[in-house]
């Protein structure tokens, strides 16, 4: 089975062997395709038992931050919604099924129980920009989705039950006075 990520002269390919369950996979590393919408295709040349076959699908390539992650409230993170993932008004702009958001949380979780993030991970952080958010963000970024933000002393915490992909807007800055916003374009895991 042959796989192709992207199109044209910059497309990347790899070959996979079909396992006993009929699934084939391979790894492309590093991925050099641009972040955002793209395509993936597969093709099977056929053999003595099966006819040739091919398929393709749309993709959304995105990046996680090098460490930490931004967070959205679970009731705010619907596909197509425009959201604030970082800023002084995070608690006002994000709705959580587990109760009201804390004003001291500005949207960045700097300590994750798993890097890169996976669904269901725990996170902790310090209030405001004491968490040292990054200087820049990817154009398409993986963002945690939490149902509640708790506090124990100066430490804020939550669970990233889901991960969505956000197409980020220009204007982000690591200062909570410069909001980080974007549109939820897809879901990575739930």
C-alpha atoms as a PDB file:
ATOM      1  CA  UNK A   1       0.000   0.000   0.000  1.00  0.00           C
ATOM      2  CA  UNK A   2       1.375   3.401  -0.959  1.00  0.00           C
ATOM      3  CA  UNK A   3       0.429   6.615   0.884  1.00  0.00           C
ATOM      4  CA  UNK A   4       0.906  10.200  -0.322  1.00  0.00           C
ATOM      5  CA  UNK A   5       0.618  13.301   1.866  1.00  0.00           C
ATOM      6  CA  UNK A   6       0.144  16.556  -0.054  1.00  0.00           C
ATOM      7  CA  UNK A   7       0.206  17.167  -3.788  1.00  0.00           C
ATOM      8  CA  UNK A   8       2.596  18.156  -6.535  1.00  0.00           C
ATOM      9  CA  UNK A   9       6.366  18.208  -6.248  1.00  0.00           C
ATOM     10  CA  UNK A  10       6.291  18.695  -2.457  1.00  0.00           C
ATOM     11  CA  UNK A  11       4.165  15.602  -1.769  1.00  0.00           C
ATOM     12  CA  UNK A  12       5.636  13.070   0.650  1.00  0.00           C
ATOM     13  CA  UNK A  13       5.165   9.313   0.297  1.00  0.00           C
ATOM     14  CA  UNK A  14       5.658   6.125   2.261  1.00  0.00           C
ATOM     15  CA  UNK A  15       4.778   2.451   1.863  1.00  0.00           C
ATOM     16  CA  UNK A  16       2.923   0.281   4.345  1.00  0.00           C
ATOM     17  CA  UNK A  17       2.339  -3.464   4.581  1.00  0.00           C
ATOM     18  CA  UNK A  18      -1.197  -4.667   5.197  1.00  0.00           C
ATOM     19  CA  UNK A  19      -1.584  -6.513   8.508  1.00  0.00           C
ATOM     20  CA  UNK A  20      -3.874  -9.469   9.295  1.00  0.00           C
ATOM     21  CA  UNK A  21      -6.810  -7.130   9.962  1.00  0.00           C
ATOM     22  CA  UNK A  22      -6.469  -5.449   6.556  1.00  0.00           C
ATOM     23  CA  UNK A  23      -4.968  -2.209   7.880  1.00  0.00           C
ATOM     24  CA  UNK A  24      -1.823  -0.638   6.495  1.00  0.00           C
ATOM     25  CA  UNK A  25       0.175   2.216   7.992  1.00  0.00           C
ATOM     26  CA  UNK A  26       3.504   3.968   7.582  1.00  0.00           C
ATOM     27  CA  UNK A  27       5.260   6.952   9.120  1.00  0.00           C
ATOM     28  CA  UNK A  28       6.294  10.138   7.335  1.00  0.00           C
ATOM     29  CA  UNK A  29       8.899  11.913   9.432  1.00  0.00           C
ATOM     30  CA  UNK A  30       9.467  14.733   9.384  1.00  0.00           C
ATOM     31  CA  UNK A  31       6.300  16.040   7.768  1.00  0.00           C
ATOM     32  CA  UNK A  32       7.276  19.007   5.597  1.00  0.00           C
ATOM     33  CA  UNK A  33       3.810  19.944   4.342  1.00  0.00           C
ATOM     34  CA  UNK A  34       2.451  23.392   5.266  1.00  0.00           C
ATOM     35  CA  UNK A  35       0.088  23.659   8.233  1.00  0.00           C
ATOM     36  CA  UNK A  36      -3.593  23.874   7.324  1.00  0.00           C
ATOM     37  CA  UNK A  37      -5.847  22.096   4.836  1.00  0.00           C
ATOM     38  CA  UNK A  38      -4.321  19.394   2.648  1.00  0.00           C
ATOM     39  CA  UNK A  39      -4.894  15.924   1.268  1.00  0.00           C
ATOM     40  CA  UNK A  40      -3.799  12.345   1.829  1.00  0.00           C
ATOM     41  CA  UNK A  41      -4.170   9.545  -0.693  1.00  0.00           C
ATOM     42  CA  UNK A  42      -3.543   5.813  -0.712  1.00  0.00           C
ATOM     43  CA  UNK A  43      -3.284   3.286  -3.479  1.00  0.00           C
ATOM     44  CA  UNK A  44      -3.078  -0.480  -3.682  1.00  0.00           C
ATOM     45  CA  UNK A  45      -1.630  -1.921  -6.890  1.00  0.00           C
ATOM     46  CA  UNK A  46      -3.596  -5.135  -6.569  1.00  0.00           C
ATOM     47  CA  UNK A  47      -2.390  -8.721  -6.265  1.00  0.00           C
ATOM     48  CA  UNK A  48      -3.499 -12.261  -7.100  1.00  0.00           C
ATOM     49  CA  UNK A  49      -6.448 -11.986  -4.684  1.00  0.00           C
ATOM     50  CA  UNK A  50      -7.575  -8.337  -4.750  1.00  0.00           C
ATOM     51  CA  UNK A  51      -8.152  -5.729  -7.432  1.00  0.00           C
ATOM     52  CA  UNK A  52      -6.325  -2.381  -7.418  1.00  0.00           C
ATOM     53  CA  UNK A  53      -7.924   0.303  -5.246  1.00  0.00           C
ATOM     54  CA  UNK A  54      -7.302   3.902  -4.210  1.00  0.00           C
ATOM     55  CA  UNK A  55      -8.851   6.591  -2.048  1.00  0.00           C
ATOM     56  CA  UNK A  56      -8.140  10.114  -0.875  1.00  0.00           C
ATOM     57  CA  UNK A  57      -9.287  12.369   1.951  1.00  0.00           C
ATOM     58  CA  UNK A  58      -8.935  15.918   3.179  1.00  0.00           C
ATOM     59  CA  UNK A  59      -6.574  16.596   6.076  1.00  0.00           C
ATOM     60  CA  UNK A  60      -5.770  19.429   8.450  1.00  0.00           C
ATOM     61  CA  UNK A  61      -2.111  19.533   9.410  1.00  0.00           C
ATOM     62  CA  UNK A  62      -1.417  21.294  12.703  1.00  0.00           C
ATOM     63  CA  UNK A  63       1.269  21.672  15.347  1.00  0.00           C
ATOM     64  CA  UNK A  64       1.366  21.459  19.109  1.00  0.00           C
ATOM     65  CA  UNK A  65       3.381  24.012  21.050  1.00  0.00           C
ATOM     66  CA  UNK A  66       6.903  22.880  21.953  1.00  0.00           C
ATOM     67  CA  UNK A  67       5.731  22.714  25.585  1.00  0.00           C
ATOM     68  CA  UNK A  68       2.450  23.421  27.318  1.00  0.00           C
ATOM     69  CA  UNK A  69      -0.871  24.042  25.586  1.00  0.00           C
ATOM     70  CA  UNK A  70      -3.684  26.535  25.377  1.00  0.00           C
ATOM     71  CA  UNK A  71      -7.130  25.574  26.684  1.00  0.00           C
ATOM     72  CA  UNK A  72     -10.726  26.227  25.601  1.00  0.00           C
ATOM     73  CA  UNK A  73     -13.882  25.663  27.647  1.00  0.00           C
ATOM     74  CA  UNK A  74     -15.794  22.555  26.549  1.00  0.00           C
ATOM     75  CA  UNK A  75     -19.053  24.448  25.894  1.00  0.00           C
ATOM     76  CA  UNK A  76     -17.202  27.000  23.740  1.00  0.00           C
ATOM     77  CA  UNK A  77     -15.093  24.688  21.566  1.00  0.00           C
ATOM     78  CA  UNK A  78     -17.599  23.748  18.867  1.00  0.00           C
ATOM     79  CA  UNK A  79     -16.496  23.290  15.261  1.00  0.00           C
ATOM     80  CA  UNK A  80     -16.595  26.584  13.378  1.00  0.00           C
ATOM     81  CA  UNK A  81     -16.728  28.712  16.515  1.00  0.00           C
ATOM     82  CA  UNK A  82     -14.416  31.706  16.916  1.00  0.00           C
ATOM     83  CA  UNK A  83     -12.823  31.541  20.370  1.00  0.00           C
ATOM     84  CA  UNK A  84     -10.333  33.185  22.716  1.00  0.00           C
ATOM     85  CA  UNK A  85      -7.653  30.689  23.769  1.00  0.00           C
ATOM     86  CA  UNK A  86      -5.540  33.290  25.604  1.00  0.00           C
ATOM     87  CA  UNK A  87      -6.289  36.640  27.203  1.00  0.00           C
ATOM     88  CA  UNK A  88      -7.464  38.739  30.118  1.00  0.00           C
ATOM     89  CA  UNK A  89     -11.125  37.895  29.318  1.00  0.00           C
ATOM     90  CA  UNK A  90     -10.630  34.112  28.978  1.00  0.00           C
ATOM     91  CA  UNK A  91     -12.994  33.368  31.895  1.00  0.00           C
ATOM     92  CA  UNK A  92     -15.714  35.565  30.372  1.00  0.00           C
ATOM     93  CA  UNK A  93     -15.356  34.217  26.837  1.00  0.00           C
ATOM     94  CA  UNK A  94     -15.111  30.489  27.658  1.00  0.00           C
ATOM     95  CA  UNK A  95     -17.979  28.407  29.021  1.00  0.00           C
ATOM     96  CA  UNK A  96     -17.335  25.215  30.988  1.00  0.00           C
ATOM     97  CA  UNK A  97     -19.854  22.484  31.809  1.00  0.00           C
ATOM     98  CA  UNK A  98     -18.182  22.002  35.213  1.00  0.00           C
ATOM     99  CA  UNK A  99     -18.938  25.511  36.462  1.00  0.00           C
ATOM    100  CA  UNK A 100     -17.764  29.081  36.097  1.00  0.00           C
ATOM    101  CA  UNK A 101     -14.219  29.685  34.873  1.00  0.00           C
ATOM    102  CA  UNK A 102     -11.700  31.258  37.243  1.00  0.00           C
ATOM    103  CA  UNK A 103     -10.757  34.881  36.505  1.00  0.00           C
ATOM    104  CA  UNK A 104      -7.118  34.097  37.339  1.00  0.00           C
ATOM    105  CA  UNK A 105      -6.861  31.601  34.443  1.00  0.00           C
ATOM    106  CA  UNK A 106      -5.906  33.276  31.167  1.00  0.00           C
ATOM    107  CA  UNK A 107      -5.875  30.159  28.960  1.00  0.00           C
ATOM    108  CA  UNK A 108      -2.342  28.713  29.008  1.00  0.00           C
ATOM    109  CA  UNK A 109      -1.452  25.436  30.765  1.00  0.00           C
ATOM    110  CA  UNK A 110       2.319  25.197  31.147  1.00  0.00           C
ATOM    111  CA  UNK A 111       2.629  21.747  32.771  1.00  0.00           C
ATOM    112  CA  UNK A 112       1.092  18.781  30.950  1.00  0.00           C
ATOM    113  CA  UNK A 113       1.040  15.170  32.117  1.00  0.00           C
ATOM    114  CA  UNK A 114       1.919  14.136  28.526  1.00  0.00           C
ATOM    115  CA  UNK A 115       3.989  15.872  25.829  1.00  0.00           C
ATOM    116  CA  UNK A 116       2.886  16.040  23.089  1.00  0.00           C
ATOM    117  CA  UNK A 117      -0.649  16.302  24.429  1.00  0.00           C
ATOM    118  CA  UNK A 118      -3.098  13.414  24.227  1.00  0.00           C
ATOM    119  CA  UNK A 119      -6.795  13.321  25.073  1.00  0.00           C
ATOM    120  CA  UNK A 120      -7.507  12.931  28.771  1.00  0.00           C
ATOM    121  CA  UNK A 121      -4.282  14.463  30.095  1.00  0.00           C
ATOM    122  CA  UNK A 122      -4.045  16.484  33.288  1.00  0.00           C
ATOM    123  CA  UNK A 123      -2.597  19.977  33.263  1.00  0.00           C
ATOM    124  CA  UNK A 124      -1.497  22.569  35.817  1.00  0.00           C
ATOM    125  CA  UNK A 125      -0.419  26.182  35.562  1.00  0.00           C
ATOM    126  CA  UNK A 126       0.103  29.423  37.446  1.00  0.00           C
ATOM    127  CA  UNK A 127      -2.272  32.413  37.260  1.00  0.00           C
ATOM    128  CA  UNK A 128      -2.165  35.069  34.509  1.00  0.00           C
ATOM    129  CA  UNK A 129       1.051  35.183  32.456  1.00  0.00           C
ATOM    130  CA  UNK A 130       3.125  33.701  35.327  1.00  0.00           C
ATOM    131  CA  UNK A 131       2.789  30.493  33.283  1.00  0.00           C
ATOM    132  CA  UNK A 132       5.149  31.935  30.636  1.00  0.00           C
ATOM    133  CA  UNK A 133       3.105  31.419  27.465  1.00  0.00           C
ATOM    134  CA  UNK A 134       5.048  31.156  24.177  1.00  0.00           C
ATOM    135  CA  UNK A 135       6.111  34.196  22.145  1.00  0.00           C
ATOM    136  CA  UNK A 136       4.429  32.893  18.980  1.00  0.00           C
ATOM    137  CA  UNK A 137       1.769  30.345  18.034  1.00  0.00           C
ATOM    138  CA  UNK A 138       1.404  28.068  14.983  1.00  0.00           C
ATOM    139  CA  UNK A 139      -1.076  29.035  12.260  1.00  0.00           C
ATOM    140  CA  UNK A 140      -2.973  25.780  12.976  1.00  0.00           C
ATOM    141  CA  UNK A 141      -2.595  24.670  16.594  1.00  0.00           C
ATOM    142  CA  UNK A 142      -3.742  21.797  18.795  1.00  0.00           C
ATOM    143  CA  UNK A 143      -5.678  23.176  21.809  1.00  0.00           C
ATOM    144  CA  UNK A 144      -6.904  21.294  24.902  1.00  0.00           C
ATOM    145  CA  UNK A 145     -10.607  21.355  25.797  1.00  0.00           C
ATOM    146  CA  UNK A 146     -11.512  21.263  29.507  1.00  0.00           C
ATOM    147  CA  UNK A 147     -14.823  21.133  31.356  1.00  0.00           C
ATOM    148  CA  UNK A 148     -13.512  22.775  34.551  1.00  0.00           C
ATOM    149  CA  UNK A 149     -10.607  24.758  35.970  1.00  0.00           C
ATOM    150  CA  UNK A 150      -9.778  24.141  39.624  1.00  0.00           C
ATOM    151  CA  UNK A 151      -7.461  25.915  42.032  1.00  0.00           C
ATOM    152  CA  UNK A 152      -5.352  24.675  44.938  1.00  0.00           C
ATOM    153  CA  UNK A 153      -3.307  27.515  46.427  1.00  0.00           C
ATOM    154  CA  UNK A 154      -1.611  29.292  43.525  1.00  0.00           C
ATOM    155  CA  UNK A 155      -1.881  26.272  41.205  1.00  0.00           C
ATOM    156  CA  UNK A 156      -4.666  26.063  38.617  1.00  0.00           C
ATOM    157  CA  UNK A 157      -5.532  22.678  37.100  1.00  0.00           C
ATOM    158  CA  UNK A 158      -7.801  20.800  34.749  1.00  0.00           C
ATOM    159  CA  UNK A 159      -8.204  17.820  32.440  1.00  0.00           C
ATOM    160  CA  UNK A 160      -7.854  18.159  28.667  1.00  0.00           C
ATOM    161  CA  UNK A 161     -10.603  15.704  27.749  1.00  0.00           C
ATOM    162  CA  UNK A 162     -10.494  16.623  24.048  1.00  0.00           C
ATOM    163  CA  UNK A 163      -8.124  18.311  21.622  1.00  0.00           C
ATOM    164  CA  UNK A 164      -9.337  20.590  18.842  1.00  0.00           C
ATOM    165  CA  UNK A 165      -7.434  22.297  16.029  1.00  0.00           C
ATOM    166  CA  UNK A 166      -7.630  26.099  15.993  1.00  0.00           C
ATOM    167  CA  UNK A 167      -6.737  28.267  12.993  1.00  0.00           C
ATOM    168  CA  UNK A 168      -5.124  31.153  14.851  1.00  0.00           C
ATOM    169  CA  UNK A 169      -5.713  34.824  14.120  1.00  0.00           C
ATOM    170  CA  UNK A 170      -2.934  37.418  13.875  1.00  0.00           C
ATOM    171  CA  UNK A 171      -2.331  39.564  16.956  1.00  0.00           C
ATOM    172  CA  UNK A 172      -1.403  36.999  19.605  1.00  0.00           C
ATOM    173  CA  UNK A 173       1.127  38.106  22.234  1.00  0.00           C
ATOM    174  CA  UNK A 174       2.259  36.401  25.447  1.00  0.00           C
ATOM    175  CA  UNK A 175       0.732  39.288  27.400  1.00  0.00           C
ATOM    176  CA  UNK A 176      -2.914  38.600  28.400  1.00  0.00           C
ATOM    177  CA  UNK A 177      -3.794  42.132  27.264  1.00  0.00           C
ATOM    178  CA  UNK A 178      -3.236  40.938  23.667  1.00  0.00           C
ATOM    179  CA  UNK A 179      -5.789  38.171  23.191  1.00  0.00           C
ATOM    180  CA  UNK A 180      -5.061  35.005  21.262  1.00  0.00           C
ATOM    181  CA  UNK A 181      -8.078  34.073  19.164  1.00  0.00           C
ATOM    182  CA  UNK A 182      -8.941  31.718  16.348  1.00  0.00           C
ATOM    183  CA  UNK A 183     -11.509  29.446  14.759  1.00  0.00           C
ATOM    184  CA  UNK A 184     -12.026  25.793  15.700  1.00  0.00           C
ATOM    185  CA  UNK A 185     -11.596  23.943  12.387  1.00  0.00           C
ATOM    186  CA  UNK A 186     -11.505  20.277  13.429  1.00  0.00           C
ATOM    187  CA  UNK A 187     -11.238  17.841  16.295  1.00  0.00           C
ATOM    188  CA  UNK A 188      -8.056  15.821  16.855  1.00  0.00           C
ATOM    189  CA  UNK A 189      -9.394  13.462  19.507  1.00  0.00           C
ATOM    190  CA  UNK A 190     -12.224  13.133  22.010  1.00  0.00           C
END
